[in-house]
Amino acid sequence: MMVSHLLKGREIPGDRMKEYDATESPQLAVQRARDYWSDPAVTADGLTALTSFASTCLPAVMANWEQPYYRALRQNALRQLVAVSPDLQTS
């Protein structure tokens, strides 16, 4: 709940999602989420988990207009996952 409160108003808002990078790769999405938090140290297991999520959370088929929206939603989720990860909590 604390992370949700911290990110409130800082997430990518719905009216800006259409402008989000429609071609963002899972690896770039993870790096951008880490950069959001000033690039905290992440263990190999943590990086694997984040990349796995980023690689599998989007629908297999999306219309072109849906791609920036879903990638923006993925970025919002990754920012939360980085913030609640054991790696960030112990660094």
N, C-alpha and C. Protein backbone atom coordinates (compact mmCIF):
# COMPACT_ATOMS: atom_id res chain seq x y z
N MET A 1 0.81 -1.18 0.00
CA MET A 1 0.00 0.00 0.00
C MET A 1 0.86 1.25 0.00
N MET A 2 2.00 1.18 0.66
CA MET A 2 2.87 2.34 0.72
C MET A 2 3.38 2.71 -0.67
N VAL A 3 3.74 1.71 -1.48
CA VAL A 3 4.23 1.99 -2.82
C VAL A 3 3.11 2.58 -3.68
N SER A 4 1.91 2.05 -3.57
CA SER A 4 0.79 2.61 -4.31
C SER A 4 0.58 4.07 -3.94
N HIS A 5 0.68 4.37 -2.66
CA HIS A 5 0.54 5.75 -2.20
C HIS A 5 1.67 6.62 -2.75
N LEU A 6 2.88 6.11 -2.73
CA LEU A 6 4.04 6.84 -3.21
C LEU A 6 3.92 7.14 -4.71
N LEU A 7 3.40 6.18 -5.47
CA LEU A 7 3.29 6.36 -6.92
C LEU A 7 2.03 7.10 -7.36
N LYS A 8 1.11 7.30 -6.46
CA LYS A 8 -0.15 7.97 -6.82
C LYS A 8 0.16 9.35 -7.40
N GLY A 9 -0.35 9.57 -8.60
CA GLY A 9 -0.10 10.83 -9.29
C GLY A 9 1.21 10.85 -10.06
N ARG A 10 2.02 9.81 -9.92
CA ARG A 10 3.30 9.73 -10.62
C ARG A 10 3.30 8.64 -11.69
N GLU A 11 2.21 7.87 -11.74
CA GLU A 11 2.13 6.83 -12.76
C GLU A 11 1.89 7.49 -14.12
N ILE A 12 2.08 6.72 -15.17
CA ILE A 12 1.79 7.23 -16.50
C ILE A 12 0.26 7.31 -16.59
N PRO A 13 -0.29 8.51 -16.70
CA PRO A 13 -1.74 8.64 -16.67
C PRO A 13 -2.38 8.20 -17.99
N GLY A 14 -3.65 7.85 -17.91
CA GLY A 14 -4.38 7.36 -19.06
C GLY A 14 -4.34 8.29 -20.26
N ASP A 15 -4.38 9.60 -20.03
CA ASP A 15 -4.40 10.52 -21.16
C ASP A 15 -3.03 10.66 -21.83
N ARG A 16 -1.97 10.13 -21.22
CA ARG A 16 -0.64 10.16 -21.84
C ARG A 16 -0.20 8.80 -22.35
N MET A 17 -0.99 7.78 -22.10
CA MET A 17 -0.61 6.44 -22.52
C MET A 17 -0.50 6.29 -24.03
N LYS A 18 -1.32 7.02 -24.77
CA LYS A 18 -1.28 6.90 -26.23
C LYS A 18 0.05 7.37 -26.81
N GLU A 19 0.81 8.15 -26.03
CA GLU A 19 2.10 8.67 -26.47
C GLU A 19 3.27 7.76 -26.05
N TYR A 20 2.99 6.71 -25.30
CA TYR A 20 4.06 5.86 -24.78
C TYR A 20 4.70 5.06 -25.91
N ASP A 21 5.93 4.67 -25.73
CA ASP A 21 6.72 3.92 -26.71
C ASP A 21 6.04 2.60 -27.07
N ALA A 22 5.49 2.52 -28.26
CA ALA A 22 4.74 1.33 -28.70
C ALA A 22 5.65 0.16 -29.05
N THR A 23 6.95 0.38 -29.11
CA THR A 23 7.89 -0.69 -29.48
C THR A 23 8.83 -1.08 -28.35
N GLU A 24 8.57 -0.59 -27.15
CA GLU A 24 9.45 -0.86 -26.01
C GLU A 24 9.59 -2.36 -25.76
N SER A 25 10.82 -2.84 -25.73
CA SER A 25 11.10 -4.26 -25.47
C SER A 25 10.95 -4.55 -23.98
N PRO A 26 10.79 -5.82 -23.62
CA PRO A 26 10.73 -6.16 -22.19
C PRO A 26 11.99 -5.71 -21.43
N GLN A 27 13.15 -5.88 -22.04
CA GLN A 27 14.40 -5.51 -21.37
C GLN A 27 14.47 -3.99 -21.14
N LEU A 28 14.05 -3.23 -22.14
CA LEU A 28 14.05 -1.77 -22.00
C LEU A 28 13.02 -1.34 -20.96
N ALA A 29 11.89 -2.00 -20.94
CA ALA A 29 10.85 -1.68 -19.95
C ALA A 29 11.39 -1.87 -18.54
N VAL A 30 12.10 -2.97 -18.31
CA VAL A 30 12.69 -3.22 -16.98
C VAL A 30 13.72 -2.15 -16.65
N GLN A 31 14.58 -1.82 -17.61
CA GLN A 31 15.60 -0.81 -17.35
C GLN A 31 14.96 0.55 -17.05
N ARG A 32 13.92 0.90 -17.78
CA ARG A 32 13.24 2.18 -17.51
C ARG A 32 12.59 2.19 -16.12
N ALA A 33 12.04 1.07 -15.72
CA ALA A 33 11.46 0.99 -14.38
C ALA A 33 12.54 1.11 -13.31
N ARG A 34 13.67 0.49 -13.54
CA ARG A 34 14.79 0.63 -12.60
C ARG A 34 15.31 2.06 -12.59
N ASP A 35 15.41 2.67 -13.77
CA ASP A 35 15.88 4.06 -13.86
C ASP A 35 14.95 5.00 -13.10
N TYR A 36 13.66 4.70 -13.12
CA TYR A 36 12.70 5.52 -12.40
C TYR A 36 13.08 5.61 -10.92
N TRP A 37 13.61 4.53 -10.38
CA TRP A 37 14.02 4.46 -8.97
C TRP A 37 15.52 4.67 -8.81
N SER A 38 16.16 5.36 -9.75
CA SER A 38 17.60 5.67 -9.71
C SER A 38 18.46 4.43 -9.82
N ASP A 39 18.01 3.47 -10.63
CA ASP A 39 18.77 2.26 -10.98
C ASP A 39 19.31 1.49 -9.76
N PRO A 40 18.40 1.01 -8.90
CA PRO A 40 18.86 0.25 -7.73
C PRO A 40 19.50 -1.08 -8.15
N ALA A 41 20.35 -1.60 -7.31
CA ALA A 41 20.95 -2.90 -7.56
C ALA A 41 19.85 -3.96 -7.54
N VAL A 42 19.91 -4.86 -8.49
CA VAL A 42 18.94 -5.95 -8.60
C VAL A 42 19.73 -7.24 -8.79
N THR A 43 19.41 -8.25 -8.01
CA THR A 43 20.09 -9.53 -8.16
C THR A 43 19.73 -10.17 -9.49
N ALA A 44 20.49 -11.17 -9.88
CA ALA A 44 20.20 -11.89 -11.12
C ALA A 44 18.81 -12.51 -11.07
N ASP A 45 18.43 -13.08 -9.92
CA ASP A 45 17.09 -13.65 -9.78
C ASP A 45 16.01 -12.59 -9.90
N GLY A 46 16.24 -11.44 -9.32
CA GLY A 46 15.28 -10.35 -9.41
C GLY A 46 15.12 -9.85 -10.84
N LEU A 47 16.25 -9.72 -11.53
CA LEU A 47 16.21 -9.29 -12.92
C LEU A 47 15.49 -10.31 -13.79
N THR A 48 15.72 -11.57 -13.53
CA THR A 48 15.03 -12.63 -14.27
C THR A 48 13.53 -12.55 -14.04
N ALA A 49 13.12 -12.35 -12.81
CA ALA A 49 11.69 -12.27 -12.49
C ALA A 49 11.05 -11.05 -13.15
N LEU A 50 11.70 -9.90 -13.09
CA LEU A 50 11.16 -8.70 -13.71
C LEU A 50 11.06 -8.85 -15.23
N THR A 51 12.10 -9.40 -15.83
CA THR A 51 12.11 -9.58 -17.28
C THR A 51 11.07 -10.61 -17.71
N SER A 52 10.91 -11.65 -16.93
CA SER A 52 9.88 -12.65 -17.23
C SER A 52 8.49 -12.02 -17.20
N PHE A 53 8.23 -11.23 -16.18
CA PHE A 53 6.95 -10.53 -16.11
C PHE A 53 6.76 -9.63 -17.32
N ALA A 54 7.79 -8.82 -17.62
CA ALA A 54 7.69 -7.88 -18.74
C ALA A 54 7.50 -8.59 -20.08
N SER A 55 8.02 -9.81 -20.18
CA SER A 55 7.93 -10.57 -21.42
C SER A 55 6.59 -11.27 -21.59
N THR A 56 5.89 -11.51 -20.51
CA THR A 56 4.68 -12.34 -20.58
C THR A 56 3.38 -11.62 -20.21
N CYS A 57 3.46 -10.40 -19.74
CA CYS A 57 2.25 -9.74 -19.23
C CYS A 57 1.38 -9.10 -20.30
N LEU A 58 1.91 -8.92 -21.49
CA LEU A 58 1.13 -8.29 -22.55
C LEU A 58 0.35 -9.32 -23.35
N PRO A 59 -0.78 -8.93 -23.92
CA PRO A 59 -1.53 -9.85 -24.77
C PRO A 59 -0.68 -10.27 -25.97
N ALA A 60 -0.87 -11.48 -26.43
CA ALA A 60 -0.10 -11.98 -27.58
C ALA A 60 -0.44 -11.23 -28.85
N VAL A 61 -1.68 -10.79 -28.96
CA VAL A 61 -2.12 -10.06 -30.15
C VAL A 61 -2.72 -8.73 -29.70
N MET A 62 -2.21 -7.65 -30.29
CA MET A 62 -2.72 -6.32 -29.99
C MET A 62 -2.86 -5.54 -31.28
N ALA A 63 -3.89 -4.74 -31.35
CA ALA A 63 -4.00 -3.80 -32.46
C ALA A 63 -2.92 -2.73 -32.30
N ASN A 64 -2.53 -2.12 -33.38
CA ASN A 64 -1.49 -1.09 -33.30
C ASN A 64 -1.81 0.00 -32.29
N TRP A 65 -3.07 0.43 -32.23
CA TRP A 65 -3.43 1.51 -31.33
C TRP A 65 -3.36 1.08 -29.87
N GLU A 66 -3.43 -0.24 -29.60
CA GLU A 66 -3.38 -0.74 -28.21
C GLU A 66 -1.97 -0.82 -27.66
N GLN A 67 -0.99 -0.92 -28.53
CA GLN A 67 0.38 -1.18 -28.08
C GLN A 67 0.93 -0.14 -27.11
N PRO A 68 0.80 1.16 -27.37
CA PRO A 68 1.34 2.11 -26.38
C PRO A 68 0.60 2.05 -25.04
N TYR A 69 -0.69 1.80 -25.08
CA TYR A 69 -1.47 1.72 -23.83
C TYR A 69 -1.02 0.55 -22.96
N TYR A 70 -0.92 -0.62 -23.58
CA TYR A 70 -0.51 -1.80 -22.80
C TYR A 70 0.92 -1.68 -22.30
N ARG A 71 1.79 -1.08 -23.10
CA ARG A 71 3.17 -0.92 -22.64
C ARG A 71 3.27 0.11 -21.51
N ALA A 72 2.45 1.13 -21.55
CA ALA A 72 2.42 2.09 -20.45
C ALA A 72 1.91 1.43 -19.17
N LEU A 73 0.88 0.60 -19.30
CA LEU A 73 0.38 -0.15 -18.13
C LEU A 73 1.46 -1.08 -17.59
N ARG A 74 2.20 -1.73 -18.50
CA ARG A 74 3.30 -2.61 -18.07
C ARG A 74 4.34 -1.79 -17.31
N GLN A 75 4.66 -0.60 -17.79
CA GLN A 75 5.64 0.24 -17.12
C GLN A 75 5.17 0.63 -15.72
N ASN A 76 3.91 0.99 -15.60
CA ASN A 76 3.38 1.30 -14.27
C ASN A 76 3.51 0.11 -13.33
N ALA A 77 3.20 -1.08 -13.83
CA ALA A 77 3.31 -2.29 -13.01
C ALA A 77 4.76 -2.58 -12.64
N LEU A 78 5.67 -2.43 -13.59
CA LEU A 78 7.09 -2.69 -13.31
C LEU A 78 7.63 -1.73 -12.26
N ARG A 79 7.21 -0.50 -12.31
CA ARG A 79 7.67 0.46 -11.29
C ARG A 79 7.23 0.01 -9.90
N GLN A 80 6.03 -0.50 -9.81
CA GLN A 80 5.57 -1.02 -8.52
C GLN A 80 6.36 -2.25 -8.11
N LEU A 81 6.59 -3.15 -9.06
CA LEU A 81 7.32 -4.39 -8.74
C LEU A 81 8.75 -4.09 -8.29
N VAL A 82 9.40 -3.16 -8.94
CA VAL A 82 10.77 -2.78 -8.52
C VAL A 82 10.73 -2.23 -7.10
N ALA A 83 9.75 -1.39 -6.82
CA ALA A 83 9.68 -0.75 -5.50
C ALA A 83 9.40 -1.73 -4.37
N VAL A 84 8.65 -2.78 -4.65
CA VAL A 84 8.34 -3.75 -3.59
C VAL A 84 9.27 -4.95 -3.60
N SER A 85 10.23 -4.94 -4.50
CA SER A 85 11.15 -6.08 -4.59
C SER A 85 12.05 -6.16 -3.36
N PRO A 86 12.44 -7.37 -2.99
CA PRO A 86 13.39 -7.51 -1.88
C PRO A 86 14.70 -6.78 -2.16
N ASP A 87 15.10 -6.69 -3.43
CA ASP A 87 16.35 -6.02 -3.77
C ASP A 87 16.33 -4.55 -3.37
N LEU A 88 15.25 -3.86 -3.70
CA LEU A 88 15.17 -2.44 -3.35
C LEU A 88 14.99 -2.26 -1.85
N GLN A 89 14.25 -3.14 -1.23
CA GLN A 89 13.98 -3.02 0.20
C GLN A 89 15.23 -3.21 1.05
N THR A 90 16.20 -3.96 0.53
CA THR A 90 17.41 -4.25 1.32
C THR A 90 18.62 -3.47 0.84
N SER A 91 18.46 -2.62 -0.16
CA SER A 91 19.63 -1.88 -0.65
C SER A 91 19.78 -0.55 0.04
